[in-house]
Protein backbone atom coordinates (compact mmCIF):
# COMPACT_ATOMS: atom_id res chain seq x y z
CA MET A 1 0.01 0.01 -0.04
CA ALA A 2 1.54 3.43 -0.88
CA GLU A 3 2.47 5.48 2.17
CA GLU A 4 0.44 8.48 2.70
CA ARG A 5 2.28 11.59 1.76
CA PRO A 6 2.40 14.86 3.98
CA ASP A 7 1.85 18.21 2.38
CA ALA A 8 4.82 20.55 1.28
CA SER A 9 3.81 23.35 3.62
CA ASN A 10 2.66 21.51 6.71
CA PRO A 11 4.81 18.18 6.95
CA GLY A 12 2.56 16.82 9.96
CA ALA A 13 -0.77 16.95 8.06
CA LYS A 14 -1.92 14.30 5.52
CA LEU A 15 -4.73 13.56 3.45
CA ARG A 16 -7.09 10.96 5.43
CA ARG A 17 -7.64 7.57 3.81
CA GLU A 18 -11.35 7.15 4.16
CA LEU A 19 -12.69 5.68 0.90
CA GLY A 20 -13.25 2.27 -0.07
CA LEU A 21 -14.45 0.58 -3.23
CA PRO A 22 -18.17 1.55 -3.03
CA ALA A 23 -17.39 5.15 -2.10
CA VAL A 24 -14.88 5.62 -4.91
CA THR A 25 -17.14 3.61 -7.51
CA LEU A 26 -20.06 5.61 -6.64
CA SER A 27 -18.19 9.21 -6.68
CA GLY A 28 -17.10 8.21 -10.12
CA VAL A 29 -20.77 7.47 -11.28
CA GLY A 30 -21.79 10.47 -9.66
CA ILE A 31 -19.38 12.88 -11.72
CA ILE A 32 -19.76 10.96 -14.85
CA LEU A 33 -23.76 10.75 -14.73
CA GLY A 34 -24.08 14.43 -13.63
CA ALA A 35 -24.77 17.52 -15.81
CA GLY A 36 -23.61 16.05 -19.11
CA ILE A 37 -26.56 13.96 -20.12
CA TYR A 38 -28.92 16.28 -18.32
CA ALA A 39 -27.85 19.47 -20.32
CA LEU A 40 -26.38 17.77 -23.64
CA LEU A 41 -28.98 15.08 -24.68
CA GLY A 42 -30.96 17.77 -26.69
CA GLU A 43 -27.69 19.34 -28.35
CA ALA A 44 -26.64 15.79 -29.34
CA ALA A 45 -29.98 14.90 -30.58
CA GLY A 46 -30.06 17.77 -32.73
CA MET A 47 -26.92 16.55 -34.41
CA ALA A 48 -27.38 12.89 -34.65
CA GLY A 49 -30.97 12.46 -34.82
CA ASN A 50 -32.49 9.36 -33.23
CA ALA A 51 -29.09 7.79 -33.64
CA VAL A 52 -28.11 9.86 -30.57
CA TRP A 53 -27.64 6.53 -28.51
CA LEU A 54 -24.94 5.55 -30.93
CA THR A 55 -22.96 8.59 -30.25
CA PHE A 56 -22.80 7.56 -26.49
CA ALA A 57 -21.75 4.26 -27.61
CA ILE A 58 -18.86 5.68 -29.61
CA ALA A 59 -17.84 8.18 -27.05
CA ALA A 60 -17.74 5.29 -24.49
CA THR A 61 -15.54 3.06 -26.56
CA ILE A 62 -13.07 5.69 -27.22
CA ALA A 63 -13.15 6.57 -23.44
CA ALA A 64 -12.53 3.11 -22.23
CA PHE A 65 -9.15 3.05 -24.10
CA SER A 66 -8.03 5.97 -22.26
CA ALA A 67 -9.73 4.79 -18.84
CA LEU A 68 -7.49 1.61 -19.19
CA ALA A 69 -4.47 3.82 -19.55
CA TYR A 70 -5.50 5.65 -16.32
CA ALA A 71 -6.24 2.35 -14.47
CA GLU A 72 -2.66 1.31 -15.32
CA LEU A 73 -0.88 4.72 -14.35
CA SER A 74 -2.94 5.13 -11.15
CA SER A 75 -1.97 1.42 -9.87
CA MET A 76 1.67 2.50 -10.49
CA TYR A 77 1.74 6.15 -9.13
CA PRO A 78 -1.38 6.36 -6.78
CA ARG A 79 -1.11 10.22 -6.03
CA ALA A 80 -3.74 13.22 -6.00
CA SER A 81 -1.83 14.97 -8.52
CA ALA A 82 -2.68 12.14 -10.90
CA GLU A 83 -1.95 13.19 -14.46
CA PHE A 84 0.82 15.44 -13.31
CA GLU A 85 2.49 12.58 -11.51
CA TYR A 86 1.97 10.19 -14.53
CA VAL A 87 3.40 12.77 -17.08
CA SER A 88 6.04 13.89 -15.01
CA ASN A 89 7.45 10.41 -14.76
CA ALA A 90 7.07 9.61 -18.44
CA PHE A 91 7.96 12.86 -19.99
CA GLY A 92 9.18 15.56 -17.36
CA ARG A 93 7.82 18.22 -15.39
CA ARG A 94 7.44 20.79 -18.10
CA LEU A 95 4.82 18.64 -20.07
CA ALA A 96 3.39 17.42 -16.93
CA PHE A 97 2.67 21.15 -15.80
CA VAL A 98 0.71 22.02 -19.07
CA VAL A 99 -1.39 18.77 -18.52
CA GLY A 100 -1.99 19.74 -15.01
CA TRP A 101 -2.85 23.29 -15.98
CA LEU A 102 -5.20 22.17 -18.59
CA ILE A 103 -6.92 19.67 -16.01
CA ILE A 104 -7.36 22.32 -13.32
CA PHE A 105 -8.75 24.83 -15.96
CA SER A 106 -11.19 22.40 -17.34
CA GLY A 107 -12.48 21.48 -13.71
CA ILE A 108 -12.93 25.01 -12.84
CA LEU A 109 -14.62 26.01 -16.04
CA GLY A 110 -16.82 22.90 -15.79
CA ALA A 111 -17.86 23.59 -12.31
CA ALA A 112 -18.56 27.11 -13.13
CA THR A 113 -20.63 26.09 -16.07
CA VAL A 114 -22.52 23.32 -14.13
CA SER A 115 -23.16 25.66 -11.47
CA LEU A 116 -24.95 27.99 -14.13
CA GLY A 117 -26.91 24.97 -14.96
CA PHE A 118 -27.95 24.44 -11.71
CA ALA A 119 -29.08 28.09 -11.34
CA GLY A 120 -30.89 27.87 -14.26
CA TYR A 121 -33.00 25.25 -13.15
CA PHE A 122 -33.32 26.81 -9.68
CA SER A 123 -34.57 30.17 -11.19
CA ASP A 124 -37.12 28.53 -13.13
CA LEU A 125 -38.53 26.64 -10.03
CA VAL A 126 -38.30 29.61 -7.36
CA GLY A 127 -37.54 32.66 -9.37
CA PHE A 128 -34.14 33.58 -7.71
CA PRO A 129 -31.77 35.38 -10.04
CA VAL A 130 -29.23 33.10 -11.93
CA ILE A 131 -25.84 34.60 -11.10
CA PRO A 132 -26.57 34.77 -7.35
CA SER A 133 -27.97 31.24 -7.41
CA ALA A 134 -24.75 30.19 -8.79
CA VAL A 135 -22.45 31.83 -6.45
CA LEU A 136 -24.48 30.41 -3.53
CA ILE A 137 -24.26 26.89 -4.75
CA ILE A 138 -20.55 27.30 -5.29
CA LEU A 139 -20.13 28.45 -1.74
CA LEU A 140 -22.37 25.77 -0.40
CA LEU A 141 -20.19 23.32 -2.21
CA ALA A 142 -17.03 24.63 -1.02
CA GLY A 143 -18.20 24.33 2.51
CA ILE A 144 -19.18 20.81 2.02
CA LEU A 145 -15.44 19.98 0.59
CA LEU A 146 -13.92 22.01 3.41
CA TYR A 147 -15.81 19.91 6.05
CA GLY A 148 -14.20 16.76 5.20
CA ILE A 149 -13.69 13.87 2.52
CA LYS A 150 -15.99 11.28 4.17
CA GLU A 151 -18.68 13.94 4.62
CA THR A 152 -18.15 14.95 0.78
CA ALA A 153 -18.24 11.22 -0.31
CA ARG A 154 -21.68 10.67 1.80
CA VAL A 155 -23.16 13.78 0.10
CA ALA A 156 -22.07 12.87 -3.36
CA ILE A 157 -23.53 9.32 -2.93
CA ALA A 158 -26.69 10.39 -1.77
CA LEU A 159 -26.83 12.92 -4.57
CA THR A 160 -25.71 10.08 -7.27
CA LEU A 161 -28.52 8.06 -6.01
CA ILE A 162 -31.09 10.59 -6.83
CA GLU A 163 -29.60 11.57 -10.13
CA VAL A 164 -29.41 7.78 -11.10
CA GLY A 165 -33.08 7.61 -10.12
CA GLY A 166 -33.94 10.38 -12.57
CA ILE A 167 -32.32 8.61 -15.29
CA VAL A 168 -34.07 5.32 -14.42
CA MET A 169 -37.39 7.02 -14.40
CA VAL A 170 -36.88 8.40 -17.94
CA ILE A 171 -35.73 4.80 -18.96
CA LEU A 172 -38.95 3.46 -17.58
CA ILE A 173 -40.99 6.08 -19.17
CA GLY A 174 -39.74 5.32 -22.49
CA LEU A 175 -40.06 1.54 -22.23
CA PRO A 176 -43.66 1.22 -23.57
CA HIS A 177 -42.51 3.24 -26.62
CA LEU A 178 -39.36 1.47 -27.50
CA GLY A 179 -39.45 0.14 -31.14
CA GLN A 180 -41.78 2.85 -32.35
CA VAL A 181 -38.97 4.89 -34.42
CA ASP A 182 -35.99 4.24 -36.62
CA TYR A 183 -32.98 4.28 -34.20
CA LEU A 184 -30.56 4.52 -37.03
CA ASP A 185 -32.13 7.91 -38.58
CA MET A 186 -29.48 10.56 -38.89
CA PRO A 187 -30.63 13.94 -40.61
CA HIS A 188 -27.18 15.11 -40.79
CA GLY A 189 -25.55 11.87 -41.77
CA VAL A 190 -22.20 10.28 -40.43
CA PRO A 191 -20.50 13.85 -40.17
CA GLY A 192 -23.58 14.89 -37.63
CA LEU A 193 -22.97 11.52 -35.67
CA LEU A 194 -19.27 12.15 -35.28
CA GLN A 195 -19.77 15.86 -34.25
CA ALA A 196 -22.23 14.64 -31.55
CA SER A 197 -19.92 11.89 -30.47
CA ALA A 198 -17.22 14.59 -29.85
CA LEU A 199 -19.68 16.62 -27.89
CA VAL A 200 -21.16 13.98 -25.67
CA PHE A 201 -17.70 12.89 -24.62
CA PHE A 202 -18.30 15.73 -21.95
CA ALA A 203 -20.95 13.33 -20.63
CA TYR A 204 -18.21 10.73 -19.67
CA MET A 205 -15.95 13.42 -18.12
CA GLY A 206 -15.29 12.08 -14.50
CA PHE A 207 -13.68 8.71 -14.79
CA GLU A 208 -10.37 10.55 -15.05
CA GLU A 209 -11.26 12.40 -11.92
CA MET A 210 -11.48 9.27 -9.80
CA VAL A 211 -7.91 8.76 -9.75
CA LYS A 212 -7.36 12.15 -7.75
CA LEU A 213 -8.88 10.39 -4.86
CA SER A 214 -5.79 7.82 -4.66
CA GLU A 215 -4.31 9.37 -1.60
CA GLU A 216 -7.66 9.55 0.36
CA THR A 217 -8.58 5.77 -0.65
CA ARG A 218 -7.52 2.79 1.05
CA ASN A 219 -5.53 0.33 -0.96
CA PRO A 220 -5.74 2.62 -4.09
CA GLU A 221 -3.41 0.39 -6.30
CA ARG A 222 -6.31 -2.21 -6.59
CA THR A 223 -9.41 0.05 -5.54
CA VAL A 224 -9.09 2.93 -8.02
CA PRO A 225 -8.65 0.82 -11.41
CA ILE A 226 -11.62 -1.62 -10.11
CA ALA A 227 -13.89 1.29 -9.42
CA LEU A 228 -13.05 3.14 -12.52
CA MET A 229 -13.94 0.05 -14.72
CA ILE A 230 -17.25 -0.33 -12.87
CA ALA A 231 -18.37 3.32 -12.70
CA LEU A 232 -17.56 3.68 -16.67
CA ALA A 233 -19.52 0.59 -17.43
CA VAL A 234 -22.73 1.40 -15.38
CA SER A 235 -22.34 4.91 -16.96
CA VAL A 236 -22.51 3.54 -20.39
CA LEU A 237 -25.44 1.28 -20.16
CA LEU A 238 -27.53 3.88 -18.49
CA TYR A 239 -26.67 6.71 -21.37
CA ILE A 240 -27.47 4.36 -24.05
CA LEU A 241 -30.73 3.05 -22.60
CA VAL A 242 -31.94 6.86 -21.58
CA ALA A 243 -30.86 8.16 -25.01
CA LEU A 244 -32.98 5.37 -26.57
CA ALA A 245 -36.04 6.09 -24.36
CA ALA A 246 -35.97 9.73 -25.05
CA VAL A 247 -36.05 9.82 -28.52
CA SER A 248 -38.78 6.89 -28.41
CA VAL A 249 -41.10 9.49 -26.39
CA VAL A 250 -39.92 12.69 -28.03
CA ASP A 251 -38.99 13.53 -31.60
CA SER A 252 -35.23 14.33 -31.99
CA ALA A 253 -36.07 17.83 -33.22
CA GLN A 254 -38.07 18.64 -30.15
CA LEU A 255 -35.34 17.55 -27.95
CA ALA A 256 -32.88 19.51 -29.98
CA ALA A 257 -34.83 22.70 -29.13
CA SER A 258 -35.48 22.06 -25.61
CA ARG A 259 -33.63 23.45 -22.57
CA ALA A 260 -34.63 20.67 -20.38
CA PRO A 261 -35.05 17.36 -22.62
CA PHE A 262 -35.38 15.07 -19.77
CA ALA A 263 -38.18 17.03 -18.25
CA ASP A 264 -39.74 17.37 -21.53
CA VAL A 265 -39.76 13.55 -22.07
CA ALA A 266 -41.31 13.15 -18.44
CA SER A 267 -43.98 15.99 -19.16
CA VAL A 268 -45.00 14.34 -22.58
CA ALA A 269 -45.41 10.99 -20.72
CA LEU A 270 -46.66 11.72 -17.41
CA GLY A 271 -47.75 15.29 -17.30
CA PRO A 272 -46.59 18.57 -15.64
CA ALA A 273 -45.93 17.21 -12.37
CA ALA A 274 -43.24 14.81 -13.70
CA PHE A 275 -41.78 17.93 -15.45
CA THR A 276 -41.32 19.64 -12.04
CA LEU A 277 -39.92 16.34 -10.36
CA ILE A 278 -37.37 15.89 -13.10
CA SER A 279 -36.11 19.57 -12.98
CA VAL A 280 -35.73 18.98 -8.90
CA ILE A 281 -33.79 15.91 -9.88
CA ALA A 282 -31.71 17.99 -12.21
CA LEU A 283 -30.87 20.17 -9.50
CA PHE A 284 -29.27 17.36 -7.71
CA ALA A 285 -27.47 16.30 -10.59
CA THR A 286 -25.82 19.62 -11.62
CA ALA A 287 -25.02 20.14 -7.92
CA ASN A 288 -23.21 16.72 -7.63
CA THR A 289 -21.17 17.19 -10.74
CA ALA A 290 -20.11 20.59 -9.69
CA LEU A 291 -19.21 19.41 -6.23
CA LEU A 292 -16.97 16.27 -7.65
CA MET A 293 -15.43 18.64 -10.31
CA MET A 294 -14.35 21.20 -7.36
CA MET A 295 -13.09 18.31 -5.55
CA ALA A 296 -11.21 16.58 -8.26
CA SER A 297 -9.60 20.24 -9.13
CA SER A 298 -8.65 21.04 -5.51
CA ARG A 299 -6.83 17.62 -5.29
CA ILE A 300 -4.52 18.24 -8.50
CA ILE A 301 -3.92 21.42 -7.14
CA TYR A 302 -2.89 20.14 -3.85
CA GLY A 303 -0.88 17.35 -5.63
CA MET A 304 1.15 19.92 -7.73
CA ALA A 305 1.67 22.39 -4.97
CA SER A 306 3.05 19.31 -2.92
CA SER A 307 5.50 18.61 -5.62
CA PHE A 308 6.49 22.50 -5.73
CA SER A 309 5.05 23.03 -9.22
CA LEU A 310 2.61 25.23 -7.97
CA PRO A 311 2.83 27.89 -4.74
CA ALA A 312 3.33 25.68 -1.73
CA PHE A 313 0.41 27.51 0.36
CA LEU A 314 -1.96 25.75 -2.27
CA GLY A 315 -0.73 22.50 -0.74
CA ARG A 316 -1.86 23.31 2.94
CA VAL A 317 -4.15 20.51 4.65
CA HIS A 318 -6.17 21.51 7.52
CA PRO A 319 -5.08 19.92 10.61
CA ARG A 320 -8.54 18.79 11.75
CA THR A 321 -10.43 18.04 8.72
CA ARG A 322 -7.45 16.81 6.72
CA THR A 323 -8.65 18.44 3.41
CA PRO A 324 -6.38 20.70 1.04
CA TRP A 325 -8.28 23.78 2.24
CA THR A 326 -6.38 26.33 0.36
CA ALA A 327 -6.94 24.53 -2.83
CA ILE A 328 -10.69 24.18 -2.30
CA VAL A 329 -10.71 27.98 -1.54
CA ALA A 330 -9.00 28.84 -4.88
CA VAL A 331 -10.99 26.59 -6.82
CA ALA A 332 -14.31 28.15 -5.40
CA LEU A 333 -13.10 31.58 -5.90
CA ALA A 334 -11.88 30.80 -9.76
CA SER A 335 -15.27 29.15 -10.36
CA MET A 336 -17.07 32.14 -9.32
CA VAL A 337 -14.81 34.24 -11.63
CA PHE A 338 -15.98 32.15 -14.51
CA LEU A 339 -19.46 32.04 -14.13
CA PHE A 340 -19.61 34.43 -17.25
CA ALA A 341 -17.76 31.71 -19.44
CA GLY A 342 -20.37 31.29 -22.06
CA GLU A 343 -22.95 28.81 -23.54
CA ILE A 344 -22.70 25.14 -22.21
CA ASP A 345 -22.21 23.27 -25.57
CA PHE A 346 -19.25 25.59 -26.24
CA VAL A 347 -17.93 25.42 -22.81
CA ALA A 348 -18.37 21.45 -22.81
CA ASN A 349 -16.51 21.45 -26.00
CA ILE A 350 -13.36 23.56 -24.46
CA THR A 351 -13.32 20.96 -21.88
CA ASN A 352 -13.53 18.16 -24.19
CA PHE A 353 -10.40 19.80 -25.93
CA THR A 354 -8.43 19.64 -22.67
CA LEU A 355 -9.64 16.10 -22.31
CA PHE A 356 -8.65 15.07 -25.75
CA VAL A 357 -5.14 16.44 -25.41
CA THR A 358 -4.75 14.94 -22.05
CA PHE A 359 -5.65 11.60 -22.99
CA VAL A 360 -3.29 11.48 -25.71
CA VAL A 361 -0.51 12.43 -23.63
CA ILE A 362 -1.79 9.92 -21.01
CA ASN A 363 -1.87 6.99 -23.31
CA ALA A 364 1.57 8.15 -24.73
CA SER A 365 2.93 7.90 -21.07
CA VAL A 366 1.62 4.40 -20.66
CA ILE A 367 3.64 3.56 -23.67
CA LEU A 368 6.78 5.34 -22.81
CA LEU A 369 6.83 3.93 -19.32
CA ARG A 370 6.56 0.34 -20.52
CA TYR A 371 9.99 1.03 -22.24
CA ARG A 372 11.66 3.73 -19.72
CA ALA A 373 10.26 1.90 -16.48
CA PRO A 374 9.57 -1.86 -17.14
CA ASP A 375 10.38 -2.70 -13.53
CA VAL A 376 7.79 -0.58 -11.56
CA ALA A 377 5.10 -2.73 -10.02
CA ARG A 378 1.81 -2.48 -12.15
CA PRO A 379 -1.05 -4.08 -10.00
CA PHE A 380 -3.31 -3.33 -12.86
CA ARG A 381 -1.64 -3.99 -16.37
CA ILE A 382 -3.48 -3.16 -19.77
CA PRO A 383 -3.87 -6.67 -21.69
CA GLY A 384 -2.55 -6.91 -25.15
CA ALA A 385 1.10 -6.07 -26.46
CA ILE A 386 3.19 -6.62 -29.33
CA GLY A 387 6.28 -7.01 -27.77
CA SER A 388 6.77 -4.24 -25.18
CA LEU A 389 4.19 -1.97 -27.17
CA PRO A 390 0.85 -1.98 -25.51
CA VAL A 391 -1.75 -1.78 -28.47
CA ILE A 392 -4.86 -0.28 -26.57
CA PRO A 393 -2.83 2.93 -25.75
CA VAL A 394 -1.98 3.36 -29.42
CA VAL A 395 -5.64 3.04 -30.33
CA GLY A 396 -6.46 5.42 -27.57
CA ILE A 397 -4.14 8.12 -29.15
CA ILE A 398 -5.53 7.64 -32.56
CA SER A 399 -9.17 7.67 -31.56
CA SER A 400 -8.70 10.58 -29.21
CA LEU A 401 -6.92 12.72 -32.06
CA PHE A 402 -9.98 11.57 -34.12
CA LEU A 403 -12.57 13.21 -31.96
CA LEU A 404 -10.22 16.24 -31.25
CA VAL A 405 -10.47 17.09 -35.12
CA GLN A 406 -14.16 17.11 -35.00
CA LEU A 407 -14.28 20.18 -32.70
CA ASP A 408 -15.31 23.36 -34.14
CA SER A 409 -12.26 25.80 -35.17
CA LEU A 410 -12.98 28.36 -32.47
CA VAL A 411 -12.85 25.69 -29.94
CA LEU A 412 -9.61 24.43 -31.25
CA LEU A 413 -8.27 28.08 -31.24
CA VAL A 414 -9.34 28.71 -27.70
CA GLY A 415 -7.71 25.49 -26.63
CA GLY A 416 -4.71 26.13 -28.48
CA ILE A 417 -4.44 29.43 -26.56
CA LEU A 418 -4.75 27.45 -23.06
CA VAL A 419 -1.92 25.22 -24.17
CA VAL A 420 0.28 27.99 -25.10
CA LEU A 421 -0.54 29.86 -21.78
CA GLY A 422 0.37 26.50 -19.91
CA ALA A 423 3.75 26.18 -21.54
CA GLY A 424 4.53 29.75 -21.14
CA ILE A 425 3.82 29.60 -17.30
CA ALA A 426 5.74 26.30 -16.98
CA LEU A 427 8.98 27.87 -18.62
CA LEU A 428 8.58 31.06 -16.63
CA GLY A 429 8.48 28.96 -13.53
CA GLU A 430 11.39 26.82 -14.64
CA GLN A 431 13.54 29.83 -15.29
CA ARG A 432 12.74 31.42 -12.01
CA SER A 433 13.49 28.03 -10.14
CA GLY A 434 16.53 27.34 -12.43
CA GLY A 435 15.23 23.96 -12.60
CA THR A 436 15.05 21.58 -15.67
CA ALA A 437 12.32 19.81 -17.40
């Protein structure tokens, strides 16, 4: 079992190992099943038509390649800094900083966007203004994160069960209607299908966040890879079923025009009361996703600060709650700043850009470490290799690049700017410290 690591600025304090397989798995299911499916089903249906279920299958297949890479690397290096730790061991700290920067930024931006989604539902239900609602939910979630990892996990598990209930409800609503439409009808053809697949990849965001709980998990070398695989499998099954159910009840064009596609499906089948119920469930789903995004971002900030790649004060651990409190506060403040980031489909694709780039590097890290560090223990090892070359990470690189080029040119431009900024900060920090990559 990996030893607990003290934080850089307070050597006596450590993150507390509280989480077992059920908690890590349900946390993963919670972040994967959150706002993505509730918010993006309509957008994807507009691109892929009744074949929207297939976009979730395509995205899941590509996600699975990278999930296996995360499973192997997390079993080798069970650290909260996750991607930063993996890439640092494979390619050095300079590229690791750029990847860590992208992950932190995507988590903060994603949390801000999802908080706005929560605020939109909340405003529709009670009439409270959107921005103040978003600020309040971020502050509430930050308070939960500060209170403790066990308490955070309990809240996340409860919210996960509620949001899974909403998805199962839509599936059950659609069961009597299954088989009534052509599930391969694609009004925009294969290009629309591929664009929708790239968009809905956002709905799988979360499996890569699970590895950041490694330093708060018991026996992380074994627990995290198993939890990762289970969470992804459960999410894929529910996504495909709910997409089939939705287009069976409501026309794909109507879904595309809806701001609340799940609620519209419930309303058409069961009436206005069901619309309100699904809207309330969506509040829990969006809050859960924002909570877990903020948690994951705070952990990678803590990990990078503990490795002295970010200012040491961001690695402070509260002596009583054993939570990385300065990182949590920083994430909450940054999320509030980014509440004005833009429309959810654009922001989702910016997040997808960071994920695709990260997955390319993560899969490449698996390949390189098979040659550079063949003797490092791998409690989980990706099956299938030609000599020392693992085949699945090669497919993961190609498939991630394939989805990357499906993104809009403006998304690629903004994503490229983020990469350049991260590289500039890495070089500046290196020059100041006199270190080497």
